[in-house]
């Protein structure tokens, strides 16, 4: 097991718990907490060295963050 794999597993577990049980229940904190397991998944893919999976993940991650920010802005504005 490589260090990237172990750190990735830890980040997935810790990030999932941070999303489920956030300290202040604001949308921004949930969005930031959602990025923690995303980095864990990225490290897991990096440990397997699959370039196509990494590029796909980076594109999809950027798109989902943009969509989530727009949704959060509309909820706070309403």
PDB file of N, CA and C in Angstrom:
ATOM      1  N   UNK A   1       0.844  -1.185   0.000  1.00  0.00           N
ATOM      2  CA  UNK A   1       0.000   0.000   0.000  1.00  0.00           C
ATOM      3  C   UNK A   1       0.884   1.241   0.000  1.00  0.00           C
ATOM      4  N   UNK A   2       0.562   2.132  -0.888  1.00  0.00           N
ATOM      5  CA  UNK A   2       1.344   3.354  -1.011  1.00  0.00           C
ATOM      6  C   UNK A   2       0.807   4.418  -0.058  1.00  0.00           C
ATOM      7  N   UNK A   3       1.622   5.425   0.242  1.00  0.00           N
ATOM      8  CA  UNK A   3       1.143   6.505   1.126  1.00  0.00           C
ATOM      9  C   UNK A   3      -0.046   7.259   0.540  1.00  0.00           C
ATOM     10  N   UNK A   4      -0.080   7.407  -0.799  1.00  0.00           N
ATOM     11  CA  UNK A   4      -1.216   8.098  -1.417  1.00  0.00           C
ATOM     12  C   UNK A   4      -2.514   7.345  -1.166  1.00  0.00           C
ATOM     13  N   UNK A   5      -2.458   6.023  -1.229  1.00  0.00           N
ATOM     14  CA  UNK A   5      -3.644   5.210  -1.006  1.00  0.00           C
ATOM     15  C   UNK A   5      -4.141   5.348   0.434  1.00  0.00           C
ATOM     16  N   UNK A   6      -3.229   5.282   1.390  1.00  0.00           N
ATOM     17  CA  UNK A   6      -3.622   5.377   2.799  1.00  0.00           C
ATOM     18  C   UNK A   6      -4.162   6.762   3.148  1.00  0.00           C
ATOM     19  N   UNK A   7      -3.493   7.800   2.664  1.00  0.00           N
ATOM     20  CA  UNK A   7      -3.967   9.166   2.933  1.00  0.00           C
ATOM     21  C   UNK A   7      -5.320   9.395   2.258  1.00  0.00           C
ATOM     22  N   UNK A   8      -5.471   8.859   1.033  1.00  0.00           N
ATOM     23  CA  UNK A   8      -6.741   8.984   0.329  1.00  0.00           C
ATOM     24  C   UNK A   8      -7.885   8.321   1.078  1.00  0.00           C
ATOM     25  N   UNK A   9      -7.645   7.113   1.613  1.00  0.00           N
ATOM     26  CA  UNK A   9      -8.687   6.425   2.391  1.00  0.00           C
ATOM     27  C   UNK A   9      -9.052   7.227   3.637  1.00  0.00           C
ATOM     28  N   UNK A  10      -8.050   7.773   4.313  1.00  0.00           N
ATOM     29  CA  UNK A  10      -8.302   8.577   5.503  1.00  0.00           C
ATOM     30  C   UNK A  10      -9.117   9.827   5.159  1.00  0.00           C
ATOM     31  N   UNK A  11      -8.759  10.494   4.057  1.00  0.00           N
ATOM     32  CA  UNK A  11      -9.488  11.703   3.669  1.00  0.00           C
ATOM     33  C   UNK A  11     -10.927  11.400   3.265  1.00  0.00           C
ATOM     34  N   UNK A  12     -11.150  10.263   2.633  1.00  0.00           N
ATOM     35  CA  UNK A  12     -12.521   9.898   2.268  1.00  0.00           C
ATOM     36  C   UNK A  12     -13.367   9.691   3.520  1.00  0.00           C
ATOM     37  N   UNK A  13     -12.836   8.964   4.488  1.00  0.00           N
ATOM     38  CA  UNK A  13     -13.596   8.697   5.716  1.00  0.00           C
ATOM     39  C   UNK A  13     -13.809   9.979   6.518  1.00  0.00           C
ATOM     40  N   UNK A  14     -12.730  10.745   6.725  1.00  0.00           N
ATOM     41  CA  UNK A  14     -12.835  11.984   7.511  1.00  0.00           C
ATOM     42  C   UNK A  14     -13.721  13.009   6.810  1.00  0.00           C
ATOM     43  N   UNK A  15     -13.600  13.123   5.496  1.00  0.00           N
ATOM     44  CA  UNK A  15     -14.404  14.081   4.755  1.00  0.00           C
ATOM     45  C   UNK A  15     -15.877  13.716   4.726  1.00  0.00           C
ATOM     46  N   UNK A  16     -16.161  12.430   4.632  1.00  0.00           N
ATOM     47  CA  UNK A  16     -17.552  11.994   4.656  1.00  0.00           C
ATOM     48  C   UNK A  16     -18.188  12.318   5.999  1.00  0.00           C
ATOM     49  N   UNK A  17     -17.472  12.096   7.069  1.00  0.00           N
ATOM     50  CA  UNK A  17     -17.991  12.440   8.395  1.00  0.00           C
ATOM     51  C   UNK A  17     -18.165  13.949   8.547  1.00  0.00           C
ATOM     52  N   UNK A  18     -17.247  14.722   7.953  1.00  0.00           N
ATOM     53  CA  UNK A  18     -17.355  16.186   8.029  1.00  0.00           C
ATOM     54  C   UNK A  18     -18.574  16.699   7.262  1.00  0.00           C
ATOM     55  N   UNK A  19     -18.931  16.037   6.168  1.00  0.00           N
ATOM     56  CA  UNK A  19     -20.104  16.453   5.407  1.00  0.00           C
ATOM     57  C   UNK A  19     -21.388  16.067   6.135  1.00  0.00           C
ATOM     58  N   UNK A  20     -21.396  14.886   6.722  1.00  0.00           N
ATOM     59  CA  UNK A  20     -22.605  14.394   7.386  1.00  0.00           C
ATOM     60  C   UNK A  20     -22.879  15.155   8.681  1.00  0.00           C
ATOM     61  N   UNK A  21     -21.816  15.423   9.441  1.00  0.00           N
ATOM     62  CA  UNK A  21     -21.966  16.107  10.738  1.00  0.00           C
ATOM     63  C   UNK A  21     -21.171  17.410  10.735  1.00  0.00           C
ATOM     64  N   UNK A  22     -21.628  18.469  10.020  1.00  0.00           N
ATOM     65  CA  UNK A  22     -20.860  19.721  10.003  1.00  0.00           C
ATOM     66  C   UNK A  22     -21.035  20.483  11.314  1.00  0.00           C
ATOM     67  N   UNK A  23     -20.014  21.228  11.687  1.00  0.00           N
ATOM     68  CA  UNK A  23     -20.099  22.047  12.920  1.00  0.00           C
ATOM     69  C   UNK A  23     -21.132  23.156  12.746  1.00  0.00           C
ATOM     70  N   UNK A  24     -20.823  24.244  12.053  1.00  0.00           N
ATOM     71  CA  UNK A  24     -21.909  25.180  11.739  1.00  0.00           C
ATOM     72  C   UNK A  24     -22.610  24.671  10.478  1.00  0.00           C
ATOM     73  N   UNK A  25     -23.921  24.647  10.497  1.00  0.00           N
ATOM     74  CA  UNK A  25     -24.663  24.058   9.379  1.00  0.00           C
ATOM     75  C   UNK A  25     -24.948  25.106   8.309  1.00  0.00           C
ATOM     76  N   UNK A  26     -23.899  25.624   7.715  1.00  0.00           N
ATOM     77  CA  UNK A  26     -24.061  26.565   6.610  1.00  0.00           C
ATOM     78  C   UNK A  26     -23.709  25.862   5.309  1.00  0.00           C
ATOM     79  N   UNK A  27     -24.189  26.431   4.222  1.00  0.00           N
ATOM     80  CA  UNK A  27     -23.943  25.817   2.923  1.00  0.00           C
ATOM     81  C   UNK A  27     -22.472  25.879   2.543  1.00  0.00           C
ATOM     82  N   UNK A  28     -21.793  26.964   2.912  1.00  0.00           N
ATOM     83  CA  UNK A  28     -20.384  27.096   2.570  1.00  0.00           C
ATOM     84  C   UNK A  28     -19.534  26.038   3.283  1.00  0.00           C
ATOM     85  N   UNK A  29     -19.848  25.767   4.537  1.00  0.00           N
ATOM     86  CA  UNK A  29     -19.103  24.744   5.281  1.00  0.00           C
ATOM     87  C   UNK A  29     -19.334  23.368   4.672  1.00  0.00           C
ATOM     88  N   UNK A  30     -20.560  23.105   4.247  1.00  0.00           N
ATOM     89  CA  UNK A  30     -20.835  21.809   3.599  1.00  0.00           C
ATOM     90  C   UNK A  30     -20.093  21.689   2.276  1.00  0.00           C
ATOM     91  N   UNK A  31     -19.994  22.782   1.525  1.00  0.00           N
ATOM     92  CA  UNK A  31     -19.280  22.753   0.258  1.00  0.00           C
ATOM     93  C   UNK A  31     -17.794  22.508   0.478  1.00  0.00           C
ATOM     94  N   UNK A  32     -17.221  23.181   1.450  1.00  0.00           N
ATOM     95  CA  UNK A  32     -15.805  22.978   1.746  1.00  0.00           C
ATOM     96  C   UNK A  32     -15.570  21.564   2.259  1.00  0.00           C
ATOM     97  N   UNK A  33     -16.469  21.075   3.093  1.00  0.00           N
ATOM     98  CA  UNK A  33     -16.324  19.714   3.603  1.00  0.00           C
ATOM     99  C   UNK A  33     -16.487  18.681   2.496  1.00  0.00           C
ATOM    100  N   UNK A  34     -17.226  19.012   1.472  1.00  0.00           N
ATOM    101  CA  UNK A  34     -17.411  18.099   0.354  1.00  0.00           C
ATOM    102  C   UNK A  34     -16.132  17.951  -0.464  1.00  0.00           C
ATOM    103  N   UNK A  35     -15.274  18.945  -0.415  1.00  0.00           N
ATOM    104  CA  UNK A  35     -14.013  18.869  -1.150  1.00  0.00           C
ATOM    105  C   UNK A  35     -13.008  17.929  -0.483  1.00  0.00           C
ATOM    106  N   UNK A  36     -13.143  17.687   0.799  1.00  0.00           N
ATOM    107  CA  UNK A  36     -12.194  16.807   1.505  1.00  0.00           C
ATOM    108  C   UNK A  36     -12.254  15.381   0.965  1.00  0.00           C
ATOM    109  N   UNK A  37     -13.440  14.746   0.888  1.00  0.00           N
ATOM    110  CA  UNK A  37     -13.443  13.400   0.297  1.00  0.00           C
ATOM    111  C   UNK A  37     -13.106  13.411  -1.189  1.00  0.00           C
ATOM    112  N   UNK A  38     -13.348  14.526  -1.866  1.00  0.00           N
ATOM    113  CA  UNK A  38     -12.987  14.606  -3.280  1.00  0.00           C
ATOM    114  C   UNK A  38     -11.472  14.505  -3.453  1.00  0.00           C
ATOM    115  N   UNK A  39     -10.722  15.146  -2.572  1.00  0.00           N
ATOM    116  CA  UNK A  39      -9.260  15.019  -2.629  1.00  0.00           C
ATOM    117  C   UNK A  39      -8.825  13.604  -2.271  1.00  0.00           C
ATOM    118  N   UNK A  40      -9.559  12.947  -1.383  1.00  0.00           N
ATOM    119  CA  UNK A  40      -9.250  11.558  -1.054  1.00  0.00           C
ATOM    120  C   UNK A  40      -9.412  10.647  -2.260  1.00  0.00           C
ATOM    121  N   UNK A  41     -10.492  10.847  -3.007  1.00  0.00           N
ATOM    122  CA  UNK A  41     -10.704  10.053  -4.216  1.00  0.00           C
ATOM    123  C   UNK A  41      -9.622  10.351  -5.240  1.00  0.00           C
ATOM    124  N   UNK A  42      -9.216  11.603  -5.340  1.00  0.00           N
ATOM    125  CA  UNK A  42      -8.145  11.967  -6.258  1.00  0.00           C
ATOM    126  C   UNK A  42      -6.844  11.260  -5.890  1.00  0.00           C
ATOM    127  N   UNK A  43      -6.529  11.190  -4.606  1.00  0.00           N
ATOM    128  CA  UNK A  43      -5.313  10.491  -4.187  1.00  0.00           C
ATOM    129  C   UNK A  43      -5.407   8.991  -4.436  1.00  0.00           C
ATOM    130  N   UNK A  44      -6.585   8.421  -4.269  1.00  0.00           N
ATOM    131  CA  UNK A  44      -6.751   6.999  -4.588  1.00  0.00           C
ATOM    132  C   UNK A  44      -6.496   6.741  -6.067  1.00  0.00           C
ATOM    133  N   UNK A  45      -7.044   7.595  -6.926  1.00  0.00           N
ATOM    134  CA  UNK A  45      -6.802   7.427  -8.355  1.00  0.00           C
ATOM    135  C   UNK A  45      -5.331   7.634  -8.689  1.00  0.00           C
ATOM    136  N   UNK A  46      -4.699   8.559  -8.009  1.00  0.00           N
ATOM    137  CA  UNK A  46      -3.284   8.818  -8.248  1.00  0.00           C
ATOM    138  C   UNK A  46      -2.430   7.631  -7.846  1.00  0.00           C
ATOM    139  N   UNK A  47      -2.843   6.906  -6.814  1.00  0.00           N
ATOM    140  CA  UNK A  47      -2.061   5.740  -6.399  1.00  0.00           C
ATOM    141  C   UNK A  47      -2.132   4.630  -7.444  1.00  0.00           C
ATOM    142  N   UNK A  48      -3.204   4.589  -8.237  1.00  0.00           N
ATOM    143  CA  UNK A  48      -3.309   3.600  -9.311  1.00  0.00           C
ATOM    144  C   UNK A  48      -2.751   4.113 -10.631  1.00  0.00           C
ATOM    145  N   UNK A  49      -2.389   5.387 -10.690  1.00  0.00           N
ATOM    146  CA  UNK A  49      -1.726   5.991 -11.845  1.00  0.00           C
ATOM    147  C   UNK A  49      -2.539   5.849 -13.130  1.00  0.00           C
ATOM    148  N   UNK A  50      -3.781   6.200 -13.058  1.00  0.00           N
ATOM    149  CA  UNK A  50      -4.618   6.170 -14.247  1.00  0.00           C
ATOM    150  C   UNK A  50      -4.873   7.606 -14.687  1.00  0.00           C
ATOM    151  N   UNK A  51      -4.162   8.020 -15.698  1.00  0.00           N
ATOM    152  CA  UNK A  51      -4.188   9.404 -16.136  1.00  0.00           C
ATOM    153  C   UNK A  51      -5.565   9.819 -16.648  1.00  0.00           C
ATOM    154  N   UNK A  52      -6.204   8.973 -17.400  1.00  0.00           N
ATOM    155  CA  UNK A  52      -7.516   9.324 -17.938  1.00  0.00           C
ATOM    156  C   UNK A  52      -8.535   9.532 -16.822  1.00  0.00           C
ATOM    157  N   UNK A  53      -8.480   8.684 -15.802  1.00  0.00           N
ATOM    158  CA  UNK A  53      -9.387   8.834 -14.671  1.00  0.00           C
ATOM    159  C   UNK A  53      -9.115  10.141 -13.930  1.00  0.00           C
ATOM    160  N   UNK A  54      -7.859  10.504 -13.784  1.00  0.00           N
ATOM    161  CA  UNK A  54      -7.509  11.757 -13.106  1.00  0.00           C
ATOM    162  C   UNK A  54      -8.010  12.970 -13.898  1.00  0.00           C
ATOM    163  N   UNK A  55      -7.830  12.956 -15.207  1.00  0.00           N
ATOM    164  CA  UNK A  55      -8.283  14.084 -16.013  1.00  0.00           C
ATOM    165  C   UNK A  55      -9.806  14.194 -16.009  1.00  0.00           C
ATOM    166  N   UNK A  56     -10.476  13.061 -16.092  1.00  0.00           N
ATOM    167  CA  UNK A  56     -11.935  13.072 -16.029  1.00  0.00           C
ATOM    168  C   UNK A  56     -12.411  13.583 -14.682  1.00  0.00           C
ATOM    169  N   UNK A  57     -11.776  13.114 -13.613  1.00  0.00           N
ATOM    170  CA  UNK A  57     -12.154  13.552 -12.276  1.00  0.00           C
ATOM    171  C   UNK A  57     -11.960  15.055 -12.115  1.00  0.00           C
ATOM    172  N   UNK A  58     -10.848  15.579 -12.602  1.00  0.00           N
ATOM    173  CA  UNK A  58     -10.583  17.016 -12.465  1.00  0.00           C
ATOM    174  C   UNK A  58     -11.645  17.833 -13.196  1.00  0.00           C
ATOM    175  N   UNK A  59     -12.024  17.409 -14.385  1.00  0.00           N
ATOM    176  CA  UNK A  59     -13.050  18.129 -15.136  1.00  0.00           C
ATOM    177  C   UNK A  59     -14.402  18.079 -14.464  1.00  0.00           C
ATOM    178  N   UNK A  60     -14.803  16.910 -14.020  1.00  0.00           N
ATOM    179  CA  UNK A  60     -16.105  16.753 -13.378  1.00  0.00           C
ATOM    180  C   UNK A  60     -16.134  17.486 -12.038  1.00  0.00           C
ATOM    181  N   UNK A  61     -15.044  17.442 -11.303  1.00  0.00           N
ATOM    182  CA  UNK A  61     -14.985  18.115 -10.004  1.00  0.00           C
ATOM    183  C   UNK A  61     -15.134  19.623 -10.161  1.00  0.00           C
ATOM    184  N   UNK A  62     -14.455  20.189 -11.132  1.00  0.00           N
ATOM    185  CA  UNK A  62     -14.567  21.636 -11.361  1.00  0.00           C
ATOM    186  C   UNK A  62     -15.990  22.013 -11.752  1.00  0.00           C
ATOM    187  N   UNK A  63     -16.612  21.202 -12.569  1.00  0.00           N
ATOM    188  CA  UNK A  63     -17.985  21.480 -12.994  1.00  0.00           C
ATOM    189  C   UNK A  63     -18.978  21.365 -11.841  1.00  0.00           C
ATOM    190  N   UNK A  64     -18.834  20.343 -11.004  1.00  0.00           N
ATOM    191  CA  UNK A  64     -19.772  20.181  -9.892  1.00  0.00           C
ATOM    192  C   UNK A  64     -19.606  21.279  -8.849  1.00  0.00           C
ATOM    193  N   UNK A  65     -18.392  21.725  -8.608  1.00  0.00           N
ATOM    194  CA  UNK A  65     -18.188  22.821  -7.659  1.00  0.00           C
ATOM    195  C   UNK A  65     -18.859  24.089  -8.189  1.00  0.00           C
ATOM    196  N   UNK A  66     -18.733  24.352  -9.475  1.00  0.00           N
ATOM    197  CA  UNK A  66     -19.385  25.524 -10.058  1.00  0.00           C
ATOM    198  C   UNK A  66     -20.905  25.443  -9.893  1.00  0.00           C
ATOM    199  N   UNK A  67     -21.472  24.275 -10.156  1.00  0.00           N
ATOM    200  CA  UNK A  67     -22.924  24.107 -10.027  1.00  0.00           C
ATOM    201  C   UNK A  67     -23.355  24.250  -8.571  1.00  0.00           C
ATOM    202  N   UNK A  68     -22.611  23.649  -7.645  1.00  0.00           N
ATOM    203  CA  UNK A  68     -22.967  23.749  -6.227  1.00  0.00           C
ATOM    204  C   UNK A  68     -22.903  25.187  -5.725  1.00  0.00           C
ATOM    205  N   UNK A  69     -21.912  25.936  -6.169  1.00  0.00           N
ATOM    206  CA  UNK A  69     -21.808  27.337  -5.746  1.00  0.00           C
ATOM    207  C   UNK A  69     -23.001  28.134  -6.262  1.00  0.00           C
ATOM    208  N   UNK A  70     -23.413  27.886  -7.493  1.00  0.00           N
ATOM    209  CA  UNK A  70     -24.589  28.586  -8.032  1.00  0.00           C
ATOM    210  C   UNK A  70     -25.854  28.247  -7.249  1.00  0.00           C
ATOM    211  N   UNK A  71     -26.027  26.970  -6.909  1.00  0.00           N
ATOM    212  CA  UNK A  71     -27.195  26.553  -6.126  1.00  0.00           C
ATOM    213  C   UNK A  71     -27.172  27.209  -4.752  1.00  0.00           C
ATOM    214  N   UNK A  72     -26.017  27.252  -4.116  1.00  0.00           N
ATOM    215  CA  UNK A  72     -25.922  27.849  -2.783  1.00  0.00           C
ATOM    216  C   UNK A  72     -26.182  29.339  -2.833  1.00  0.00           C
ATOM    217  N   UNK A  73     -25.736  30.016  -3.887  1.00  0.00           N
ATOM    218  CA  UNK A  73     -26.008  31.438  -4.005  1.00  0.00           C
ATOM    219  C   UNK A  73     -27.501  31.707  -4.175  1.00  0.00           C
ATOM    220  N   UNK A  74     -28.176  30.881  -4.934  1.00  0.00           N
ATOM    221  CA  UNK A  74     -29.618  31.067  -5.116  1.00  0.00           C
ATOM    222  C   UNK A  74     -30.384  30.791  -3.834  1.00  0.00           C
ATOM    223  N   UNK A  75     -29.945  29.787  -3.046  1.00  0.00           N
ATOM    224  CA  UNK A  75     -30.639  29.476  -1.792  1.00  0.00           C
ATOM    225  C   UNK A  75     -30.449  30.594  -0.784  1.00  0.00           C
ATOM    226  N   UNK A  76     -29.244  31.173  -0.719  1.00  0.00           N
ATOM    227  CA  UNK A  76     -29.000  32.251   0.242  1.00  0.00           C
ATOM    228  C   UNK A  76     -29.679  33.537  -0.170  1.00  0.00           C
ATOM    229  N   UNK A  77     -29.851  33.748  -1.487  1.00  0.00           N
ATOM    230  CA  UNK A  77     -30.489  34.964  -1.987  1.00  0.00           C
ATOM    231  C   UNK A  77     -31.997  34.936  -1.828  1.00  0.00           C
ATOM    232  N   UNK A  78     -32.582  33.771  -1.751  1.00  0.00           N
ATOM    233  CA  UNK A  78     -34.042  33.673  -1.683  1.00  0.00           C
ATOM    234  C   UNK A  78     -34.592  33.905  -0.302  1.00  0.00           C
TER     235      UNK A  78
END
